């Protein structure tokens, strides 16, 4: 099984209230952000997620599980 990867282009400063990330994994893996299911990896092996941002530093826990 291929290891999951995360693709994100983080600018030095973000003026928006959210950011999009791409999670790469195996088709049908469930994706969790901060222990909440947010989607399933599609047939292309990716899932794009839009994350809300707060003022200051933001941290997220991303977990993938196999169905």
C-alpha atoms as a PDB file:
ATOM      1  CA  UNK A   1       0.000   0.000   0.000  1.00  0.00           C
ATOM      2  CA  UNK A   2       1.266   3.446  -0.939  1.00  0.00           C
ATOM      3  CA  UNK A   3       1.862   5.873   1.935  1.00  0.00           C
ATOM      4  CA  UNK A   4      -0.531   8.857   2.006  1.00  0.00           C
ATOM      5  CA  UNK A   5       0.810  12.309   1.179  1.00  0.00           C
ATOM      6  CA  UNK A   6      -0.380  15.862   1.718  1.00  0.00           C
ATOM      7  CA  UNK A   7      -0.054  18.583  -0.925  1.00  0.00           C
ATOM      8  CA  UNK A   8      -0.331  22.180   0.205  1.00  0.00           C
ATOM      9  CA  UNK A   9       1.148  25.461  -0.956  1.00  0.00           C
ATOM     10  CA  UNK A  10       1.248  27.698   2.103  1.00  0.00           C
ATOM     11  CA  UNK A  11       1.973  31.365   1.461  1.00  0.00           C
ATOM     12  CA  UNK A  12       3.812  33.402   4.104  1.00  0.00           C
ATOM     13  CA  UNK A  13       0.605  35.294   4.852  1.00  0.00           C
ATOM     14  CA  UNK A  14      -2.969  34.253   4.205  1.00  0.00           C
ATOM     15  CA  UNK A  15      -5.646  36.903   3.783  1.00  0.00           C
ATOM     16  CA  UNK A  16      -8.552  34.445   3.537  1.00  0.00           C
ATOM     17  CA  UNK A  17     -10.474  32.644   6.273  1.00  0.00           C
ATOM     18  CA  UNK A  18      -9.747  29.206   4.803  1.00  0.00           C
ATOM     19  CA  UNK A  19      -7.224  27.202   2.795  1.00  0.00           C
ATOM     20  CA  UNK A  20      -7.519  24.221   0.446  1.00  0.00           C
ATOM     21  CA  UNK A  21      -5.361  21.138   0.893  1.00  0.00           C
ATOM     22  CA  UNK A  22      -5.082  18.000  -1.219  1.00  0.00           C
ATOM     23  CA  UNK A  23      -4.819  14.660   0.557  1.00  0.00           C
ATOM     24  CA  UNK A  24      -3.383  11.842  -1.574  1.00  0.00           C
ATOM     25  CA  UNK A  25      -4.002   8.244  -0.603  1.00  0.00           C
ATOM     26  CA  UNK A  26      -5.639   5.019  -1.687  1.00  0.00           C
ATOM     27  CA  UNK A  27      -9.117   4.971  -3.246  1.00  0.00           C
ATOM     28  CA  UNK A  28     -11.901   4.621  -0.640  1.00  0.00           C
ATOM     29  CA  UNK A  29      -9.769   5.593   2.379  1.00  0.00           C
ATOM     30  CA  UNK A  30     -11.700   7.717   4.861  1.00  0.00           C
ATOM     31  CA  UNK A  31     -10.143  11.082   5.726  1.00  0.00           C
ATOM     32  CA  UNK A  32     -10.524  12.611   9.194  1.00  0.00           C
ATOM     33  CA  UNK A  33      -9.589  16.136  10.274  1.00  0.00           C
ATOM     34  CA  UNK A  34      -9.325  16.536  14.056  1.00  0.00           C
ATOM     35  CA  UNK A  35     -11.121  13.162  14.464  1.00  0.00           C
ATOM     36  CA  UNK A  36     -14.122  14.230  12.314  1.00  0.00           C
ATOM     37  CA  UNK A  37     -14.753  12.382   9.031  1.00  0.00           C
ATOM     38  CA  UNK A  38     -14.540  14.890   6.162  1.00  0.00           C
ATOM     39  CA  UNK A  39     -14.583  12.664   3.081  1.00  0.00           C
ATOM     40  CA  UNK A  40     -13.349   9.617   1.202  1.00  0.00           C
ATOM     41  CA  UNK A  41     -10.402   9.419  -1.210  1.00  0.00           C
ATOM     42  CA  UNK A  42     -11.813   9.245  -4.759  1.00  0.00           C
ATOM     43  CA  UNK A  43     -10.924   7.127  -7.776  1.00  0.00           C
ATOM     44  CA  UNK A  44      -8.078   9.503  -8.682  1.00  0.00           C
ATOM     45  CA  UNK A  45      -6.487   8.890  -5.266  1.00  0.00           C
ATOM     46  CA  UNK A  46      -7.089  12.439  -4.009  1.00  0.00           C
ATOM     47  CA  UNK A  47      -9.462  14.468  -1.881  1.00  0.00           C
ATOM     48  CA  UNK A  48      -9.406  18.275  -1.755  1.00  0.00           C
ATOM     49  CA  UNK A  49     -10.500  19.729   1.577  1.00  0.00           C
ATOM     50  CA  UNK A  50     -11.150  23.369   2.464  1.00  0.00           C
ATOM     51  CA  UNK A  51     -10.052  24.090   6.037  1.00  0.00           C
ATOM     52  CA  UNK A  52     -11.257  27.062   8.101  1.00  0.00           C
ATOM     53  CA  UNK A  53      -8.541  29.292   9.546  1.00  0.00           C
ATOM     54  CA  UNK A  54      -8.496  31.411  12.684  1.00  0.00           C
ATOM     55  CA  UNK A  55      -6.333  34.452  13.307  1.00  0.00           C
ATOM     56  CA  UNK A  56      -2.850  33.316  14.341  1.00  0.00           C
ATOM     57  CA  UNK A  57      -1.432  29.804  14.283  1.00  0.00           C
ATOM     58  CA  UNK A  58      -3.650  26.912  13.157  1.00  0.00           C
ATOM     59  CA  UNK A  59      -2.987  23.201  13.584  1.00  0.00           C
ATOM     60  CA  UNK A  60      -4.855  20.186  12.229  1.00  0.00           C
ATOM     61  CA  UNK A  61      -4.637  16.436  12.763  1.00  0.00           C
ATOM     62  CA  UNK A  62      -5.180  14.479   9.525  1.00  0.00           C
ATOM     63  CA  UNK A  63      -5.859  10.732   9.664  1.00  0.00           C
ATOM     64  CA  UNK A  64      -6.611   8.224   6.888  1.00  0.00           C
ATOM     65  CA  UNK A  65      -8.250   4.850   7.499  1.00  0.00           C
ATOM     66  CA  UNK A  66      -9.063   1.980   5.168  1.00  0.00           C
ATOM     67  CA  UNK A  67     -12.704   0.945   4.796  1.00  0.00           C
END
